[in-house]
C-alpha atoms as a PDB file:
ATOM      1  CA  UNK A   1     138.463 145.813 230.351  1.00  0.00           C
ATOM      2  CA  UNK A   2     135.504 146.506 228.119  1.00  0.00           C
ATOM      3  CA  UNK A   3     131.869 145.620 228.177  1.00  0.00           C
ATOM      4  CA  UNK A   4     130.722 142.222 227.256  1.00  0.00           C
ATOM      5  CA  UNK A   5     128.162 143.683 224.655  1.00  0.00           C
ATOM      6  CA  UNK A   6     131.147 145.779 223.256  1.00  0.00           C
ATOM      7  CA  UNK A   7     133.390 142.846 223.099  1.00  0.00           C
ATOM      8  CA  UNK A   8     130.723 140.825 221.332  1.00  0.00           C
ATOM      9  CA  UNK A   9     130.162 143.536 218.769  1.00  0.00           C
ATOM     10  CA  UNK A  10     133.969 143.437 217.789  1.00  0.00           C
ATOM     11  CA  UNK A  11     133.782 139.663 217.978  1.00  0.00           C
ATOM     12  CA  UNK A  12     130.886 139.709 215.406  1.00  0.00           C
ATOM     13  CA  UNK A  13     132.376 142.460 213.191  1.00  0.00           C
ATOM     14  CA  UNK A  14     135.627 139.982 212.886  1.00  0.00           C
ATOM     15  CA  UNK A  15     133.219 137.081 212.220  1.00  0.00           C
ATOM     16  CA  UNK A  16     131.600 139.067 209.302  1.00  0.00           C
ATOM     17  CA  UNK A  17     135.032 139.430 207.887  1.00  0.00           C
ATOM     18  CA  UNK A  18     135.910 135.784 207.889  1.00  0.00           C
ATOM     19  CA  UNK A  19     133.172 134.904 205.049  1.00  0.00           C
ATOM     20  CA  UNK A  20     133.598 130.938 205.030  1.00  0.00           C
ATOM     21  CA  UNK A  21     134.064 128.360 207.686  1.00  0.00           C
ATOM     22  CA  UNK A  22     137.828 127.569 207.005  1.00  0.00           C
ATOM     23  CA  UNK A  23     138.658 131.311 207.408  1.00  0.00           C
ATOM     24  CA  UNK A  24     136.436 131.707 210.373  1.00  0.00           C
ATOM     25  CA  UNK A  25     138.435 129.037 212.052  1.00  0.00           C
ATOM     26  CA  UNK A  26     141.768 130.313 211.015  1.00  0.00           C
ATOM     27  CA  UNK A  27     140.741 133.623 212.543  1.00  0.00           C
ATOM     28  CA  UNK A  28     139.827 131.935 215.766  1.00  0.00           C
ATOM     29  CA  UNK A  29     143.454 130.465 215.834  1.00  0.00           C
ATOM     30  CA  UNK A  30     145.003 133.906 215.037  1.00  0.00           C
ATOM     31  CA  UNK A  31     143.023 135.595 217.706  1.00  0.00           C
ATOM     32  CA  UNK A  32     143.700 132.839 220.261  1.00  0.00           C
ATOM     33  CA  UNK A  33     147.380 133.016 219.496  1.00  0.00           C
ATOM     34  CA  UNK A  34     147.350 136.987 219.804  1.00  0.00           C
ATOM     35  CA  UNK A  35     145.452 136.715 223.080  1.00  0.00           C
ATOM     36  CA  UNK A  36     147.907 134.217 224.286  1.00  0.00           C
ATOM     37  CA  UNK A  37     150.810 136.432 223.535  1.00  0.00           C
ATOM     38  CA  UNK A  38     149.147 139.441 225.377  1.00  0.00           C
ATOM     39  CA  UNK A  39     149.199 137.207 228.429  1.00  0.00           C
ATOM     40  CA  UNK A  40     152.855 137.378 228.516  1.00  0.00           C
ATOM     41  CA  UNK A  41     153.970 138.267 232.128  1.00  0.00           C
ATOM     42  CA  UNK A  42     157.543 139.471 233.030  1.00  0.00           C
ATOM     43  CA  UNK A  43     158.378 137.582 236.435  1.00  0.00           C
ATOM     44  CA  UNK A  44     160.988 139.945 237.402  1.00  0.00           C
ATOM     45  CA  UNK A  45     158.222 142.906 237.474  1.00  0.00           C
ATOM     46  CA  UNK A  46     155.909 142.136 240.478  1.00  0.00           C
ATOM     47  CA  UNK A  47     153.816 145.198 239.696  1.00  0.00           C
ATOM     48  CA  UNK A  48     152.705 143.779 236.524  1.00  0.00           C
ATOM     49  CA  UNK A  49     153.406 147.148 234.677  1.00  0.00           C
ATOM     50  CA  UNK A  50     155.422 145.451 231.955  1.00  0.00           C
ATOM     51  CA  UNK A  51     152.729 142.856 231.211  1.00  0.00           C
ATOM     52  CA  UNK A  52     152.224 142.907 227.337  1.00  0.00           C
ATOM     53  CA  UNK A  53     148.544 143.741 227.608  1.00  0.00           C
ATOM     54  CA  UNK A  54     149.167 146.659 230.054  1.00  0.00           C
ATOM     55  CA  UNK A  55     151.857 147.985 227.848  1.00  0.00           C
ATOM     56  CA  UNK A  56     149.528 148.036 224.787  1.00  0.00           C
ATOM     57  CA  UNK A  57     146.904 149.465 226.728  1.00  0.00           C
ATOM     58  CA  UNK A  58     148.835 152.227 228.547  1.00  0.00           C
ATOM     59  CA  UNK A  59     148.269 155.694 227.092  1.00  0.00           C
ATOM     60  CA  UNK A  60     151.708 157.015 227.872  1.00  0.00           C
ATOM     61  CA  UNK A  61     153.266 154.990 225.234  1.00  0.00           C
ATOM     62  CA  UNK A  62     152.970 156.306 221.646  1.00  0.00           C
ATOM     63  CA  UNK A  63     150.487 154.939 219.398  1.00  0.00           C
ATOM     64  CA  UNK A  64     153.217 154.251 216.843  1.00  0.00           C
ATOM     65  CA  UNK A  65     155.104 152.129 219.342  1.00  0.00           C
ATOM     66  CA  UNK A  66     152.204 150.222 220.464  1.00  0.00           C
ATOM     67  CA  UNK A  67     151.110 149.736 216.591  1.00  0.00           C
ATOM     68  CA  UNK A  68     154.687 148.415 216.194  1.00  0.00           C
ATOM     69  CA  UNK A  69     154.312 145.959 218.816  1.00  0.00           C
ATOM     70  CA  UNK A  70     151.008 144.645 217.564  1.00  0.00           C
ATOM     71  CA  UNK A  71     152.711 144.360 214.229  1.00  0.00           C
ATOM     72  CA  UNK A  72     155.630 142.420 215.604  1.00  0.00           C
ATOM     73  CA  UNK A  73     153.235 140.062 217.305  1.00  0.00           C
ATOM     74  CA  UNK A  74     151.186 139.617 214.274  1.00  0.00           C
ATOM     75  CA  UNK A  75     154.340 139.030 211.907  1.00  0.00           C
ATOM     76  CA  UNK A  76     155.640 136.417 214.407  1.00  0.00           C
ATOM     77  CA  UNK A  77     152.319 134.535 214.563  1.00  0.00           C
ATOM     78  CA  UNK A  78     151.789 134.781 210.961  1.00  0.00           C
ATOM     79  CA  UNK A  79     148.472 136.639 211.309  1.00  0.00           C
ATOM     80  CA  UNK A  80     146.329 137.302 208.270  1.00  0.00           C
ATOM     81  CA  UNK A  81     146.000 141.034 207.168  1.00  0.00           C
ATOM     82  CA  UNK A  82     142.624 141.337 207.954  1.00  0.00           C
ATOM     83  CA  UNK A  83     143.065 140.229 211.391  1.00  0.00           C
ATOM     84  CA  UNK A  84     146.093 142.417 211.793  1.00  0.00           C
ATOM     85  CA  UNK A  85     143.910 145.552 210.660  1.00  0.00           C
ATOM     86  CA  UNK A  86     141.283 144.425 212.890  1.00  0.00           C
ATOM     87  CA  UNK A  87     143.659 144.139 215.867  1.00  0.00           C
ATOM     88  CA  UNK A  88     144.917 147.603 215.075  1.00  0.00           C
ATOM     89  CA  UNK A  89     141.518 148.926 214.924  1.00  0.00           C
ATOM     90  CA  UNK A  90     140.897 147.617 218.484  1.00  0.00           C
ATOM     91  CA  UNK A  91     144.084 149.144 219.725  1.00  0.00           C
ATOM     92  CA  UNK A  92     143.439 152.436 218.161  1.00  0.00           C
ATOM     93  CA  UNK A  93     140.012 152.571 219.644  1.00  0.00           C
ATOM     94  CA  UNK A  94     141.531 151.969 223.080  1.00  0.00           C
ATOM     95  CA  UNK A  95     139.798 148.482 223.384  1.00  0.00           C
ATOM     96  CA  UNK A  96     142.927 146.173 223.393  1.00  0.00           C
ATOM     97  CA  UNK A  97     142.650 145.465 227.201  1.00  0.00           C
ATOM     98  CA  UNK A  98     139.539 143.498 226.254  1.00  0.00           C
ATOM     99  CA  UNK A  99     141.059 141.322 223.625  1.00  0.00           C
ATOM    100  CA  UNK A 100     140.666 138.277 225.645  1.00  0.00           C
ATOM    101  CA  UNK A 101     136.967 139.088 226.118  1.00  0.00           C
ATOM    102  CA  UNK A 102     136.718 139.620 222.248  1.00  0.00           C
ATOM    103  CA  UNK A 103     138.507 136.239 221.707  1.00  0.00           C
ATOM    104  CA  UNK A 104     136.017 134.448 223.995  1.00  0.00           C
ATOM    105  CA  UNK A 105     133.085 136.059 222.292  1.00  0.00           C
ATOM    106  CA  UNK A 106     134.495 135.152 218.877  1.00  0.00           C
ATOM    107  CA  UNK A 107     134.998 131.652 219.827  1.00  0.00           C
ATOM    108  CA  UNK A 108     131.627 131.205 220.980  1.00  0.00           C
ATOM    109  CA  UNK A 109     130.285 132.777 217.722  1.00  0.00           C
ATOM    110  CA  UNK A 110     132.415 130.749 215.582  1.00  0.00           C
ATOM    111  CA  UNK A 111     131.642 127.441 217.382  1.00  0.00           C
ATOM    112  CA  UNK A 112     127.752 128.356 217.134  1.00  0.00           C
ATOM    113  CA  UNK A 113     128.317 128.969 213.438  1.00  0.00           C
ATOM    114  CA  UNK A 114     130.102 125.742 212.958  1.00  0.00           C
ATOM    115  CA  UNK A 115     127.674 123.438 214.948  1.00  0.00           C
ATOM    116  CA  UNK A 116     130.122 123.196 217.800  1.00  0.00           C
ATOM    117  CA  UNK A 117     129.780 123.250 221.431  1.00  0.00           C
ATOM    118  CA  UNK A 118     132.485 123.275 224.308  1.00  0.00           C
ATOM    119  CA  UNK A 119     132.245 120.900 227.124  1.00  0.00           C
ATOM    120  CA  UNK A 120     134.409 120.459 230.365  1.00  0.00           C
ATOM    121  CA  UNK A 121     134.252 117.174 232.151  1.00  0.00           C
ATOM    122  CA  UNK A 122     135.969 116.851 235.707  1.00  0.00           C
ATOM    123  CA  UNK A 123     136.487 113.572 237.075  1.00  0.00           C
ATOM    124  CA  UNK A 124     138.245 112.158 240.231  1.00  0.00           C
ATOM    125  CA  UNK A 125     140.753 110.299 238.327  1.00  0.00           C
ATOM    126  CA  UNK A 126     142.237 110.531 234.741  1.00  0.00           C
ATOM    127  CA  UNK A 127     140.149 109.118 231.989  1.00  0.00           C
ATOM    128  CA  UNK A 128     141.312 106.492 229.475  1.00  0.00           C
ATOM    129  CA  UNK A 129     140.805 107.241 225.668  1.00  0.00           C
ATOM    130  CA  UNK A 130     137.988 104.887 225.382  1.00  0.00           C
ATOM    131  CA  UNK A 131     135.867 106.458 228.305  1.00  0.00           C
ATOM    132  CA  UNK A 132     136.767 109.879 226.996  1.00  0.00           C
ATOM    133  CA  UNK A 133     135.271 108.876 223.609  1.00  0.00           C
ATOM    134  CA  UNK A 134     132.236 107.304 225.065  1.00  0.00           C
ATOM    135  CA  UNK A 135     131.522 110.570 227.128  1.00  0.00           C
ATOM    136  CA  UNK A 136     132.101 112.693 224.036  1.00  0.00           C
ATOM    137  CA  UNK A 137     129.804 110.439 221.864  1.00  0.00           C
ATOM    138  CA  UNK A 138     127.053 110.630 224.579  1.00  0.00           C
ATOM    139  CA  UNK A 139     127.410 114.350 224.856  1.00  0.00           C
ATOM    140  CA  UNK A 140     127.362 114.805 221.046  1.00  0.00           C
ATOM    141  CA  UNK A 141     124.116 112.773 220.910  1.00  0.00           C
ATOM    142  CA  UNK A 142     122.453 114.752 223.835  1.00  0.00           C
ATOM    143  CA  UNK A 143     123.218 118.123 222.019  1.00  0.00           C
ATOM    144  CA  UNK A 144     123.041 117.430 218.430  1.00  0.00           C
ATOM    145  CA  UNK A 145     126.477 119.210 218.005  1.00  0.00           C
ATOM    146  CA  UNK A 146     130.037 118.306 217.684  1.00  0.00           C
ATOM    147  CA  UNK A 147     131.578 118.321 221.148  1.00  0.00           C
ATOM    148  CA  UNK A 148     135.054 119.946 221.752  1.00  0.00           C
ATOM    149  CA  UNK A 149     135.939 118.120 225.220  1.00  0.00           C
ATOM    150  CA  UNK A 150     138.365 119.136 227.758  1.00  0.00           C
ATOM    151  CA  UNK A 151     138.854 117.009 230.722  1.00  0.00           C
ATOM    152  CA  UNK A 152     140.361 117.816 234.084  1.00  0.00           C
ATOM    153  CA  UNK A 153     141.116 115.777 237.091  1.00  0.00           C
ATOM    154  CA  UNK A 154     139.642 117.046 240.593  1.00  0.00           C
ATOM    155  CA  UNK A 155     140.387 114.769 243.313  1.00  0.00           C
ATOM    156  CA  UNK A 156     137.799 116.371 245.623  1.00  0.00           C
ATOM    157  CA  UNK A 157     135.006 114.775 243.536  1.00  0.00           C
ATOM    158  CA  UNK A 158     135.992 111.356 244.939  1.00  0.00           C
ATOM    159  CA  UNK A 159     134.289 109.656 242.260  1.00  0.00           C
ATOM    160  CA  UNK A 160     131.828 109.972 239.320  1.00  0.00           C
ATOM    161  CA  UNK A 161     131.953 113.300 237.080  1.00  0.00           C
ATOM    162  CA  UNK A 162     130.839 116.956 236.628  1.00  0.00           C
ATOM    163  CA  UNK A 163     130.194 117.941 232.994  1.00  0.00           C
ATOM    164  CA  UNK A 164     129.871 121.617 231.791  1.00  0.00           C
ATOM    165  CA  UNK A 165     128.130 121.921 228.423  1.00  0.00           C
ATOM    166  CA  UNK A 166     127.553 125.342 227.435  1.00  0.00           C
ATOM    167  CA  UNK A 167     125.390 126.880 230.266  1.00  0.00           C
ATOM    168  CA  UNK A 168     124.189 123.355 231.424  1.00  0.00           C
ATOM    169  CA  UNK A 169     125.930 121.485 234.276  1.00  0.00           C
ATOM    170  CA  UNK A 170     125.482 117.764 234.984  1.00  0.00           C
ATOM    171  CA  UNK A 171     126.771 116.866 238.404  1.00  0.00           C
ATOM    172  CA  UNK A 172     126.879 113.231 239.113  1.00  0.00           C
ATOM    173  CA  UNK A 173     129.930 113.277 241.521  1.00  0.00           C
ATOM    174  CA  UNK A 174     130.300 111.391 244.804  1.00  0.00           C
ATOM    175  CA  UNK A 175     130.897 114.553 246.651  1.00  0.00           C
ATOM    176  CA  UNK A 176     127.604 116.136 245.587  1.00  0.00           C
ATOM    177  CA  UNK A 177     125.733 112.935 246.480  1.00  0.00           C
ATOM    178  CA  UNK A 178     127.343 112.831 249.751  1.00  0.00           C
ATOM    179  CA  UNK A 179     126.637 116.449 250.370  1.00  0.00           C
ATOM    180  CA  UNK A 180     122.803 115.882 249.528  1.00  0.00           C
ATOM    181  CA  UNK A 181     122.572 112.972 251.752  1.00  0.00           C
ATOM    182  CA  UNK A 182     124.246 115.077 254.651  1.00  0.00           C
ATOM    183  CA  UNK A 183     121.748 117.809 254.073  1.00  0.00           C
ATOM    184  CA  UNK A 184     118.779 115.476 253.921  1.00  0.00           C
ATOM    185  CA  UNK A 185     119.836 113.657 257.172  1.00  0.00           C
ATOM    186  CA  UNK A 186     120.224 116.999 258.945  1.00  0.00           C
ATOM    187  CA  UNK A 187     116.678 118.154 257.728  1.00  0.00           C
END
């Protein structure tokens, strides 16, 4: 792992390479695909020693072999040459174990540059497309930005919803209301 500030510096550097909005979003996709590939886990290895990210970060493997692995992944994904060079630099500097942090910072920076915000909404039951659209529209009006909405079902909420938008949380769940009522009655 690498520190958050260092991951953010790498993410900013890649963002500066992108130039325009279309390239920035393409790089986001490439970085996301590479990060997903690095999460590959070998179920026959309970120690996790053969996990791809650990293999790439391990100093006992030659740099040429690790660079070849990065190159093979990039070729399979169809990564742009600038992103490939960036990933090779991250590998050579010994920062490949923080690729997921770099990706998350890059995603946040790319979203901010594009005027997007990510939101996660948890509900007790699955939402129909109309309700999801209304929630997304309300969040877009409240934030003034394009909202990328992820929905999740959490039966423990009983009813209502919990929305996480950036660093803000709106909790209108029945479970939270009952917890507040319980604490008020005890006081």
